[in-house]
Amino acid sequence: MGDQVLSRVVIVGSGQAGVECAAALHHNGFSGSIIVIGDEPDLPYQRPPLSKEFLKSVDDSPLPLKGEAFYPANGIDLRLGVTAERIDRTERELVLKGGERLPYDHLVIATGARNRFPPTRGLDPLRVMELRTLAHARLMTAKLDGLRHVTIIGGGFIGLEVAALLRQREIAVDVLEAADRLMGRVLSPLMSEEFRRIHEGMGTRLRLGTIATEIAAEGDRFSVSLSDGERLEADAVVVAAGVVPNAELAADAGLDVDNGIVVDELLVTSDPHISAIGDCAAHPNPYGIGMIRLESVQNAVDQGKCVAARLTGNARPYDDLPWFWSHQGAAKLQIAGLAMGMDDAVLRGDSASGKFSVFVYRDDRLIAVESVNMPSDHMVARRILAARLSIPKDVAADPASDLKALMPKPAR
């Protein structure tokens, strides 16, 4: 940022990344004005519990990221139910729906992502259910009591979390996954196979290598035609087929976009006065291969803090270790690192016990650890991977080995 003096930072997006950036700016002593624009009417809230816990409860909890009083108390001008329409880069102004123009010294785009709808014949976004926002969760919760059979399109985190919650209510579930294994984008084949067993043990019908070719609404029910020639009858269809980054605002402003808003190692876009963070940003990550876009709370929080640090004079490359979690029935999955480009994996522990880990390797170097109900393995893995250390495969596979002894010693 050079010697540029910032008096106003505008953040587009009131999700985890945007709120964290605003909070960190204030915490770091930024004395200018901080404006956060959010297009949802609700106070900024946590998204992960929507699929992990929210559906268990009839309590319409807003799951706030911060209390309502936090924003004015910390000098943050939070504007909800407001849509950003375009960026005037020449004038350095954000144009809102209705015509208001907000000048900025620096703009942070934290617009997140939205659910992807596959090109299935007859798929009407207004008739099927999805889970991304609080409004989606409220709608799904309101319909739960009337559901007997649900078809879920997508075998990733969200689809499987919803499937597990529905099975706990004895609702019949079919999960359609186009790939040949579950959570294939993020898990090793070894762990994917374990989760196939876990979900089949819950009574979920998994249909791998299968897509919906047509969805026909028949009154309050649906007929779902499958690529294998079968047809399912369902009370509801839930679409959980991945997400699309909300990058249109950036693209329309002429910023570089490629599977997200392209940023450098400092999270700066092709315009030095604009940063992008969270689910919408494609960034170089030392734990991955090439440019990647992460959809996780860890990434959103850490990128928000990274940009706030740069804007307050402490620039550093974004190099935080990626980690994720997912609750699927009794299985609490925790992942440290990225399994991209893996070529081997070893199992630690007994998967039949429901407590085990998979250590993932590339060229004999540890790159990720996937743990089920083993929080100690996960925490050790985070320390070891963040320190750029590795663990020999035979040591990782031996449950008697002391992984904690391999952790880096804290600096004195």
Protein backbone atom coordinates (compact mmCIF):
# COMPACT_ATOMS: atom_id res chain seq x y z
CA MET A 1 0.00 0.00 0.00
CA GLY A 2 3.07 2.19 0.12
CA ASP A 3 2.60 5.43 2.05
CA GLN A 4 -1.04 5.71 1.07
CA VAL A 5 -3.16 6.98 3.95
CA LEU A 6 -6.52 5.22 4.20
CA SER A 7 -9.46 7.04 5.68
CA ARG A 8 -12.27 4.78 4.45
CA VAL A 9 -12.43 1.04 3.89
CA VAL A 10 -15.58 -0.40 2.33
CA ILE A 11 -16.23 -4.13 2.63
CA VAL A 12 -18.76 -5.81 0.32
CA GLY A 13 -20.10 -8.91 2.04
CA SER A 14 -21.33 -9.47 5.58
CA GLY A 15 -20.27 -13.10 5.92
CA GLN A 16 -17.44 -14.50 8.01
CA ALA A 17 -14.64 -13.00 5.88
CA GLY A 18 -16.10 -9.50 5.68
CA VAL A 19 -17.01 -9.28 9.37
CA GLU A 20 -13.64 -10.68 10.43
CA CYS A 21 -11.83 -8.13 8.27
CA ALA A 22 -13.84 -5.26 9.75
CA ALA A 23 -13.28 -6.46 13.32
CA ALA A 24 -9.55 -6.92 12.71
CA LEU A 25 -9.23 -3.43 11.22
CA HIS A 26 -10.66 -1.93 14.40
CA HIS A 27 -8.58 -4.22 16.60
CA ASN A 28 -5.42 -3.17 14.74
CA GLY A 29 -6.11 0.48 15.48
CA PHE A 30 -7.52 1.63 12.14
CA SER A 31 -8.97 5.08 12.84
CA GLY A 32 -10.82 5.68 9.59
CA SER A 33 -14.38 4.69 8.73
CA ILE A 34 -15.27 1.03 8.14
CA ILE A 35 -18.42 0.27 6.17
CA VAL A 36 -19.74 -3.27 5.70
CA ILE A 37 -22.39 -3.87 3.03
CA GLY A 38 -24.52 -7.03 3.25
CA ASP A 39 -27.36 -8.03 0.94
CA GLU A 40 -29.06 -10.29 3.50
CA PRO A 41 -31.37 -8.67 6.08
CA ASP A 42 -30.20 -10.77 9.03
CA LEU A 43 -27.43 -9.81 11.42
CA PRO A 44 -24.24 -11.52 10.14
CA TYR A 45 -24.36 -15.17 11.19
CA GLN A 46 -22.41 -18.41 11.19
CA ARG A 47 -23.03 -20.57 8.13
CA PRO A 48 -21.54 -23.96 9.12
CA PRO A 49 -24.16 -24.74 11.82
CA LEU A 50 -26.92 -24.41 9.20
CA SER A 51 -26.11 -27.89 7.92
CA LYS A 52 -24.35 -29.27 10.99
CA GLU A 53 -26.69 -28.36 13.84
CA PHE A 54 -29.42 -25.88 12.94
CA LEU A 55 -31.79 -28.44 11.47
CA LYS A 56 -31.76 -30.43 14.71
CA SER A 57 -33.49 -27.61 16.54
CA VAL A 58 -36.84 -25.92 16.16
CA ASP A 59 -35.26 -22.84 17.73
CA ASP A 60 -34.97 -20.19 15.02
CA SER A 61 -31.61 -19.03 16.36
CA PRO A 62 -29.90 -16.37 14.26
CA LEU A 63 -26.41 -17.82 15.09
CA PRO A 64 -24.81 -14.34 15.13
CA LEU A 65 -21.11 -13.86 14.39
CA LYS A 66 -21.13 -10.85 16.70
CA GLY A 67 -23.77 -9.29 18.89
CA GLU A 68 -25.73 -6.40 17.41
CA ALA A 69 -24.02 -3.92 19.73
CA PHE A 70 -20.55 -5.03 18.57
CA TYR A 71 -20.66 -3.08 15.31
CA PRO A 72 -21.38 0.46 16.56
CA ALA A 73 -19.18 -0.16 19.60
CA ASN A 74 -16.27 -0.91 17.30
CA GLY A 75 -16.82 1.86 14.80
CA ILE A 76 -18.25 -0.40 12.10
CA ASP A 77 -21.06 0.96 9.94
CA LEU A 78 -23.04 -2.21 9.14
CA ARG A 79 -25.59 -1.82 6.36
CA LEU A 80 -27.83 -4.85 5.87
CA GLY A 81 -30.29 -5.63 3.08
CA VAL A 82 -28.22 -3.50 0.71
CA THR A 83 -27.01 -4.67 -2.70
CA ALA A 84 -23.80 -3.51 -4.35
CA GLU A 85 -24.45 -3.09 -8.08
CA ARG A 86 -21.11 -2.07 -9.53
CA ILE A 87 -17.64 -0.73 -8.84
CA ASP A 88 -16.54 2.58 -10.36
CA ARG A 89 -12.79 2.02 -10.26
CA THR A 90 -11.98 5.38 -11.88
CA GLU A 91 -13.75 7.35 -9.15
CA ARG A 92 -13.08 4.70 -6.50
CA GLU A 93 -16.73 4.41 -5.61
CA LEU A 94 -19.04 1.49 -4.89
CA VAL A 95 -22.43 2.03 -6.49
CA LEU A 96 -25.35 0.61 -4.53
CA LYS A 97 -28.75 -0.45 -5.79
CA GLY A 98 -30.80 2.72 -5.81
CA GLY A 99 -27.89 4.85 -6.99
CA GLU A 100 -26.04 5.75 -3.77
CA ARG A 101 -22.30 5.97 -4.31
CA LEU A 102 -19.87 5.06 -1.54
CA PRO A 103 -16.34 6.45 -1.98
CA TYR A 104 -13.53 4.17 -0.80
CA ASP A 105 -9.79 4.38 -0.32
CA HIS A 106 -9.69 0.60 -0.28
CA LEU A 107 -12.41 -1.86 -1.24
CA VAL A 108 -12.56 -5.41 0.11
CA ILE A 109 -14.73 -7.86 -1.84
CA ALA A 110 -16.02 -10.65 0.39
CA THR A 111 -19.10 -11.66 -1.59
CA GLY A 112 -18.80 -15.40 -0.92
CA ALA A 113 -20.42 -17.98 -3.14
CA ARG A 114 -23.83 -19.33 -4.07
CA ASN A 115 -25.09 -22.84 -4.72
CA ARG A 116 -24.52 -24.29 -8.15
CA PHE A 117 -27.60 -25.66 -9.92
CA PRO A 118 -26.78 -28.44 -12.40
CA PRO A 119 -28.39 -28.23 -15.86
CA THR A 120 -30.98 -30.89 -15.04
CA ARG A 121 -34.12 -30.84 -17.15
CA GLY A 122 -37.08 -29.64 -15.09
CA LEU A 123 -34.99 -28.41 -12.15
CA ASP A 124 -36.83 -25.35 -10.83
CA PRO A 125 -34.77 -23.45 -8.21
CA LEU A 126 -38.02 -22.18 -6.70
CA ARG A 127 -39.39 -25.68 -6.13
CA VAL A 128 -36.33 -27.53 -4.81
CA MET A 129 -34.53 -26.83 -1.53
CA GLU A 130 -30.96 -25.71 -0.95
CA LEU A 131 -28.87 -24.82 2.08
CA ARG A 132 -26.61 -21.81 1.97
CA THR A 133 -28.39 -19.02 3.85
CA LEU A 134 -30.42 -18.64 7.02
CA ALA A 135 -33.52 -18.24 4.87
CA HIS A 136 -32.82 -21.62 3.25
CA ALA A 137 -32.38 -23.27 6.66
CA ARG A 138 -35.62 -21.78 7.98
CA LEU A 139 -37.52 -23.06 4.96
CA MET A 140 -36.05 -26.55 5.26
CA THR A 141 -36.70 -26.71 9.01
CA ALA A 142 -40.31 -25.67 8.49
CA LYS A 143 -40.84 -28.55 6.06
CA LEU A 144 -39.11 -31.31 8.03
CA ASP A 145 -42.19 -32.72 9.74
CA GLY A 146 -43.89 -33.39 6.42
CA LEU A 147 -40.97 -35.20 4.78
CA ARG A 148 -40.80 -38.96 4.31
CA HIS A 149 -38.42 -39.34 1.37
CA VAL A 150 -35.79 -36.84 0.20
CA THR A 151 -33.47 -36.95 -2.81
CA ILE A 152 -30.20 -35.04 -2.38
CA ILE A 153 -28.20 -34.01 -5.44
CA GLY A 154 -24.55 -33.94 -4.38
CA GLY A 155 -22.33 -36.07 -2.16
CA GLY A 156 -20.10 -33.34 -0.74
CA PHE A 157 -19.99 -31.89 2.78
CA ILE A 158 -23.37 -30.14 2.69
CA GLY A 159 -25.27 -32.95 0.99
CA LEU A 160 -23.95 -35.56 3.40
CA GLU A 161 -24.45 -33.39 6.49
CA VAL A 162 -28.09 -32.86 5.49
CA ALA A 163 -28.45 -36.58 4.73
CA ALA A 164 -27.20 -37.50 8.21
CA LEU A 165 -29.56 -35.03 9.89
CA LEU A 166 -32.52 -36.34 7.89
CA ARG A 167 -31.67 -39.97 8.70
CA GLN A 168 -31.67 -39.08 12.41
CA ARG A 169 -35.33 -38.21 11.89
CA GLU A 170 -35.98 -41.53 10.10
CA ILE A 171 -36.53 -39.77 6.76
CA ALA A 172 -35.57 -41.94 3.77
CA VAL A 173 -32.69 -40.41 1.81
CA ASP A 174 -31.16 -41.01 -1.62
CA VAL A 175 -27.88 -39.21 -2.33
CA LEU A 176 -26.93 -38.78 -6.00
CA GLU A 177 -23.22 -38.20 -6.63
CA ALA A 178 -21.90 -37.78 -10.15
CA ALA A 179 -18.36 -38.86 -9.17
CA ASP A 180 -17.41 -42.40 -8.23
CA ARG A 181 -16.82 -41.52 -4.57
CA LEU A 182 -18.07 -39.21 -1.82
CA MET A 183 -16.44 -35.84 -1.08
CA GLY A 184 -13.99 -36.57 -3.87
CA ARG A 185 -12.82 -32.94 -4.17
CA VAL A 186 -11.44 -32.85 -0.63
CA LEU A 187 -10.86 -36.39 0.65
CA SER A 188 -8.47 -39.22 -0.08
CA PRO A 189 -10.06 -42.28 -1.70
CA LEU A 190 -9.37 -44.19 1.53
CA MET A 191 -11.43 -41.77 3.63
CA SER A 192 -14.13 -41.50 0.95
CA GLU A 193 -14.61 -45.25 1.21
CA GLU A 194 -14.89 -45.06 5.00
CA PHE A 195 -17.64 -42.45 4.68
CA ARG A 196 -19.46 -44.60 2.16
CA ARG A 197 -19.62 -47.27 4.86
CA ILE A 198 -20.65 -44.76 7.51
CA HIS A 199 -23.56 -43.41 5.47
CA GLU A 200 -24.72 -46.81 4.30
CA GLY A 201 -24.68 -47.81 7.97
CA MET A 202 -27.09 -44.95 8.66
CA GLY A 203 -29.43 -46.33 6.01
CA THR A 204 -28.73 -43.67 3.39
CA ARG A 205 -29.01 -44.95 -0.19
CA LEU A 206 -25.90 -43.78 -2.03
CA ARG A 207 -25.97 -43.68 -5.81
CA LEU A 208 -22.42 -43.01 -7.00
CA GLY A 209 -21.64 -42.22 -10.63
CA THR A 210 -25.26 -41.17 -10.99
CA ILE A 211 -26.94 -37.88 -11.90
CA ALA A 212 -30.51 -36.67 -12.11
CA THR A 213 -31.47 -36.33 -15.76
CA GLU A 214 -34.93 -34.90 -15.19
CA ILE A 215 -37.03 -33.65 -12.27
CA ALA A 216 -40.79 -33.57 -12.68
CA ALA A 217 -43.02 -31.91 -10.08
CA GLU A 218 -46.18 -33.88 -9.42
CA GLY A 219 -48.31 -31.85 -7.03
CA ASP A 220 -46.37 -31.65 -3.78
CA ARG A 221 -44.09 -34.51 -4.81
CA PHE A 222 -41.26 -35.01 -7.27
CA SER A 223 -40.33 -37.71 -9.74
CA VAL A 224 -36.56 -37.83 -10.28
CA SER A 225 -35.24 -39.68 -13.35
CA LEU A 226 -31.68 -40.99 -12.98
CA SER A 227 -28.88 -41.57 -15.48
CA ASP A 228 -28.96 -45.31 -14.70
CA GLY A 229 -32.57 -45.53 -15.86
CA GLU A 230 -34.19 -45.64 -12.42
CA ARG A 231 -36.80 -43.21 -11.16
CA LEU A 232 -37.22 -41.96 -7.60
CA GLU A 233 -40.34 -40.56 -5.96
CA ALA A 234 -39.58 -37.91 -3.32
CA ASP A 235 -41.30 -35.37 -1.07
CA ALA A 236 -38.41 -32.96 -1.60
CA VAL A 237 -35.26 -32.48 -3.65
CA VAL A 238 -32.24 -30.84 -2.04
CA VAL A 239 -29.57 -29.41 -4.34
CA ALA A 240 -26.07 -29.57 -2.84
CA ALA A 241 -23.96 -29.79 -5.99
CA GLY A 242 -21.18 -27.40 -5.04
CA VAL A 243 -20.97 -23.62 -5.28
CA VAL A 244 -20.19 -20.83 -7.71
CA PRO A 245 -18.10 -17.86 -6.51
CA ASN A 246 -19.91 -14.53 -6.51
CA ALA A 247 -17.36 -12.86 -8.76
CA GLU A 248 -19.67 -10.91 -11.10
CA LEU A 249 -19.14 -7.59 -9.32
CA ALA A 250 -15.39 -7.93 -9.86
CA ALA A 251 -15.67 -9.24 -13.43
CA ASP A 252 -17.96 -6.40 -14.47
CA ALA A 253 -15.39 -3.96 -13.08
CA GLY A 254 -12.68 -5.49 -15.27
CA LEU A 255 -10.81 -7.31 -12.51
CA ASP A 256 -9.11 -10.62 -13.29
CA VAL A 257 -11.48 -13.54 -12.61
CA ASP A 258 -10.76 -17.27 -13.00
CA ASN A 259 -12.80 -19.61 -10.76
CA GLY A 260 -13.07 -16.69 -8.38
CA ILE A 261 -11.57 -13.24 -8.11
CA VAL A 262 -7.85 -13.61 -8.79
CA VAL A 263 -5.61 -12.23 -6.03
CA ASP A 264 -1.88 -12.35 -5.32
CA GLU A 265 -0.14 -13.66 -2.22
CA LEU A 266 -1.17 -10.48 -0.37
CA LEU A 267 -4.82 -11.00 -1.44
CA VAL A 268 -4.73 -7.95 -3.71
CA THR A 269 -6.70 -8.07 -6.99
CA SER A 270 -5.49 -6.73 -10.33
CA ASP A 271 -6.46 -3.28 -8.95
CA PRO A 272 -4.14 -2.28 -6.05
CA HIS A 273 -7.03 -0.48 -4.35
CA ILE A 274 -9.17 -3.62 -4.17
CA SER A 275 -8.70 -6.87 -2.21
CA ALA A 276 -10.77 -10.06 -2.31
CA ILE A 277 -11.15 -12.63 0.47
CA GLY A 278 -13.06 -15.74 1.42
CA ASP A 279 -15.05 -18.10 -0.80
CA CYS A 280 -14.97 -15.71 -3.77
CA ALA A 281 -11.16 -15.36 -3.97
CA ALA A 282 -8.76 -17.55 -5.99
CA HIS A 283 -5.33 -17.29 -4.40
CA PRO A 284 -1.88 -18.90 -4.47
CA ASN A 285 -1.63 -21.24 -1.47
CA PRO A 286 1.67 -22.84 -0.39
CA TYR A 287 -0.18 -25.97 0.75
CA GLY A 288 -1.91 -26.52 -2.60
CA ILE A 289 -1.04 -26.65 -6.27
CA GLY A 290 -1.51 -23.53 -8.39
CA MET A 291 -4.32 -21.06 -7.74
CA ILE A 292 -7.02 -22.40 -5.42
CA ARG A 293 -10.28 -21.21 -3.94
CA LEU A 294 -11.17 -22.44 -0.45
CA GLU A 295 -14.63 -22.63 1.07
CA SER A 296 -14.02 -22.74 4.81
CA VAL A 297 -14.37 -20.71 7.97
CA GLN A 298 -10.62 -20.94 8.60
CA ASN A 299 -9.83 -19.44 5.20
CA ALA A 300 -12.43 -16.68 5.56
CA VAL A 301 -11.25 -15.68 9.04
CA ASP A 302 -7.53 -15.81 8.30
CA GLN A 303 -7.82 -13.97 4.98
CA GLY A 304 -9.91 -11.26 6.65
CA LYS A 305 -7.20 -10.80 9.28
CA CYS A 306 -4.45 -10.88 6.66
CA VAL A 307 -5.98 -8.02 4.65
CA ALA A 308 -6.67 -6.01 7.81
CA ALA A 309 -3.03 -6.40 8.84
CA ARG A 310 -1.84 -5.16 5.44
CA LEU A 311 -4.16 -2.16 5.51
CA THR A 312 -2.82 -1.21 8.93
CA GLY A 313 0.85 -1.45 7.98
CA ASN A 314 1.77 -5.10 8.63
CA ALA A 315 1.69 -6.72 5.20
CA ARG A 316 2.52 -10.43 4.94
CA PRO A 317 1.75 -13.11 2.39
CA TYR A 318 -1.28 -15.27 3.12
CA ASP A 319 0.16 -18.66 4.09
CA ASP A 320 -2.12 -20.04 6.81
CA LEU A 321 -2.64 -23.79 6.95
CA PRO A 322 -6.06 -24.79 5.55
CA TRP A 323 -8.27 -26.86 7.84
CA PHE A 324 -11.90 -27.96 7.67
CA TRP A 325 -14.51 -29.91 9.60
CA SER A 326 -17.79 -31.69 8.96
CA HIS A 327 -20.31 -33.36 11.28
CA GLN A 328 -22.07 -36.33 9.71
CA GLY A 329 -24.05 -38.27 12.26
CA ALA A 330 -21.69 -39.64 14.90
CA ALA A 331 -18.67 -39.00 12.66
CA LYS A 332 -16.84 -35.74 13.30
CA LEU A 333 -14.47 -35.29 10.36
CA GLN A 334 -11.54 -32.89 10.73
CA ILE A 335 -9.06 -32.20 7.94
CA ALA A 336 -5.71 -30.43 8.16
CA GLY A 337 -3.90 -29.54 4.96
CA LEU A 338 -4.88 -30.16 1.33
CA ALA A 339 -4.87 -33.58 -0.36
CA MET A 340 -4.29 -32.08 -3.84
CA GLY A 341 -1.96 -34.23 -5.93
CA MET A 342 -1.80 -37.01 -3.35
CA ASP A 343 -0.29 -40.34 -4.36
CA ASP A 344 -0.50 -42.40 -1.16
CA ALA A 345 -2.36 -42.62 2.15
CA VAL A 346 -2.05 -44.71 5.31
CA LEU A 347 -4.65 -45.55 7.94
CA ARG A 348 -3.94 -44.94 11.64
CA GLY A 349 -6.27 -46.63 14.10
CA ASP A 350 -9.23 -48.95 13.62
CA SER A 351 -11.96 -47.58 11.39
CA ALA A 352 -14.42 -50.09 12.87
CA SER A 353 -14.09 -48.29 16.22
CA GLY A 354 -15.23 -45.01 14.67
CA LYS A 355 -11.98 -43.32 15.77
CA PHE A 356 -9.23 -43.19 13.16
CA SER A 357 -7.15 -40.98 10.89
CA VAL A 358 -5.83 -41.12 7.33
CA PHE A 359 -2.40 -39.59 6.70
CA VAL A 360 -2.11 -38.36 3.10
CA TYR A 361 1.17 -38.11 1.17
CA ARG A 362 2.60 -36.67 -2.04
CA ASP A 363 6.09 -37.82 -3.03
CA ASP A 364 6.49 -39.40 0.44
CA ARG A 365 5.81 -36.07 2.15
CA LEU A 366 2.84 -35.58 4.46
CA ILE A 367 0.40 -33.06 2.94
CA ALA A 368 -2.87 -33.67 4.83
CA VAL A 369 -4.40 -35.57 7.73
CA GLU A 370 -8.07 -36.59 7.76
CA SER A 371 -9.39 -37.56 11.21
CA VAL A 372 -12.69 -39.03 12.38
CA ASN A 373 -13.44 -38.52 16.09
CA MET A 374 -9.71 -38.07 16.74
CA PRO A 375 -9.27 -34.41 17.70
CA SER A 376 -5.81 -35.10 19.16
CA ASP A 377 -4.55 -36.35 15.77
CA HIS A 378 -6.04 -33.29 14.12
CA MET A 379 -4.38 -30.81 16.46
CA VAL A 380 -1.00 -32.54 16.15
CA ALA A 381 -1.37 -32.55 12.35
CA ARG A 382 -2.08 -28.84 12.27
CA ARG A 383 1.08 -28.09 14.23
CA ILE A 384 3.27 -30.40 12.14
CA LEU A 385 1.94 -29.30 8.75
CA ALA A 386 2.10 -25.60 9.64
CA ALA A 387 5.76 -26.10 10.56
CA ARG A 388 6.33 -27.72 7.13
CA LEU A 389 7.37 -30.98 8.81
CA SER A 390 6.51 -34.52 7.74
CA ILE A 391 5.94 -37.90 9.40
CA PRO A 392 7.27 -41.20 7.99
CA LYS A 393 4.46 -43.46 6.79
CA ASP A 394 5.36 -46.31 9.14
CA VAL A 395 5.27 -43.97 12.13
CA ALA A 396 1.93 -42.47 11.04
CA ALA A 397 0.39 -45.92 10.59
CA ASP A 398 1.49 -47.19 14.02
CA PRO A 399 -1.12 -46.30 16.66
CA ALA A 400 1.51 -46.83 19.37
CA SER A 401 3.77 -44.07 18.02
CA ASP A 402 3.77 -40.80 19.92
CA LEU A 403 2.84 -38.14 17.38
CA LYS A 404 3.01 -35.36 19.95
CA ALA A 405 6.72 -36.01 20.35
CA LEU A 406 7.13 -35.04 16.70
CA MET A 407 5.51 -31.63 17.10
CA PRO A 408 7.75 -28.59 16.83
CA LYS A 409 8.79 -27.16 20.16
CA PRO A 410 7.37 -23.70 20.89
CA ALA A 411 9.91 -20.91 20.62
CA ARG A 412 11.25 -19.65 23.94
